[in-house]
Amino acid sequence: MRKYVDAVGDDVILVFVVSAMVHGKIELDYIDDFIAIPDYPLSATMCIARITEALADKWSIL
């Protein structure tokens, strides 16, 4: 996740869609990238925690 958010420029608006599906993936018109955090099952809560931690590190919030 950290590599992903570090590669995104500061002028890009990030929107994350978190799925709670066991199998498959979300297929919507407005999704540019599909990333799995990680490849094994993870709760939505832990997934969001990893996203926010990576963004906090990038922006030096904590």
Protein backbone atom coordinates (compact mmCIF):
# COMPACT_ATOMS: atom_id res chain seq x y z
CA MET A 1 0.00 0.00 0.00
CA ARG A 2 2.82 2.40 0.82
CA LYS A 3 4.40 1.87 -2.60
CA TYR A 4 1.04 2.56 -4.24
CA VAL A 5 0.30 5.83 -2.44
CA ASP A 6 3.91 6.99 -2.75
CA ALA A 7 3.69 6.57 -6.54
CA VAL A 8 0.59 8.77 -6.76
CA GLY A 9 1.19 12.48 -7.21
CA ASP A 10 -0.02 15.00 -4.64
CA ASP A 11 -2.32 16.58 -7.25
CA VAL A 12 -4.36 13.38 -7.66
CA ILE A 13 -7.62 12.92 -5.75
CA LEU A 14 -7.68 9.43 -4.27
CA VAL A 15 -10.90 7.51 -3.78
CA PHE A 16 -10.78 3.99 -2.38
CA VAL A 17 -13.62 1.50 -2.79
CA VAL A 18 -13.31 -1.24 -0.16
CA SER A 19 -15.12 -4.48 -0.84
CA ALA A 20 -16.19 -7.08 1.69
CA MET A 21 -16.43 -9.90 -0.87
CA VAL A 22 -14.68 -13.20 -0.33
CA HIS A 23 -14.19 -13.89 -4.04
CA GLY A 24 -14.21 -11.78 -7.18
CA LYS A 25 -13.63 -8.08 -7.60
CA ILE A 26 -15.56 -4.86 -8.06
CA GLU A 27 -16.06 -3.92 -11.69
CA LEU A 28 -17.34 -0.36 -12.02
CA ASP A 29 -16.83 2.28 -14.72
CA TYR A 30 -15.16 4.78 -12.41
CA ILE A 31 -12.39 2.47 -11.13
CA ASP A 32 -8.97 3.18 -12.67
CA ASP A 33 -6.86 0.73 -10.63
CA PHE A 34 -7.60 -2.51 -8.81
CA ILE A 35 -5.30 -3.39 -5.94
CA ALA A 36 -5.53 -6.16 -3.37
CA ILE A 37 -4.29 -5.50 0.16
CA PRO A 38 -3.02 -8.29 0.41
CA ASP A 39 -3.90 -11.33 -1.72
CA TYR A 40 -5.30 -13.23 1.29
CA PRO A 41 -8.58 -12.44 3.11
CA LEU A 42 -8.53 -9.28 5.20
CA SER A 43 -11.33 -7.55 7.06
CA ALA A 44 -12.59 -4.24 5.68
CA THR A 45 -11.53 -2.58 8.93
CA MET A 46 -7.93 -3.77 8.58
CA CYS A 47 -7.88 -2.83 4.90
CA ILE A 48 -8.97 0.73 5.69
CA ALA A 49 -6.41 0.89 8.50
CA ARG A 50 -3.63 -0.02 6.06
CA ILE A 51 -4.79 2.61 3.58
CA THR A 52 -4.94 5.35 6.23
CA GLU A 53 -1.57 4.32 7.68
CA ALA A 54 0.07 4.54 4.25
CA LEU A 55 -1.47 7.96 3.59
CA ALA A 56 -0.45 9.22 7.05
CA ASP A 57 3.12 8.15 6.36
CA LYS A 58 3.13 9.81 2.94
CA TRP A 59 1.79 13.09 4.26
CA SER A 60 3.81 12.94 7.54
CA ILE A 61 0.64 13.27 9.62
CA LEU A 62 1.74 11.11 12.54
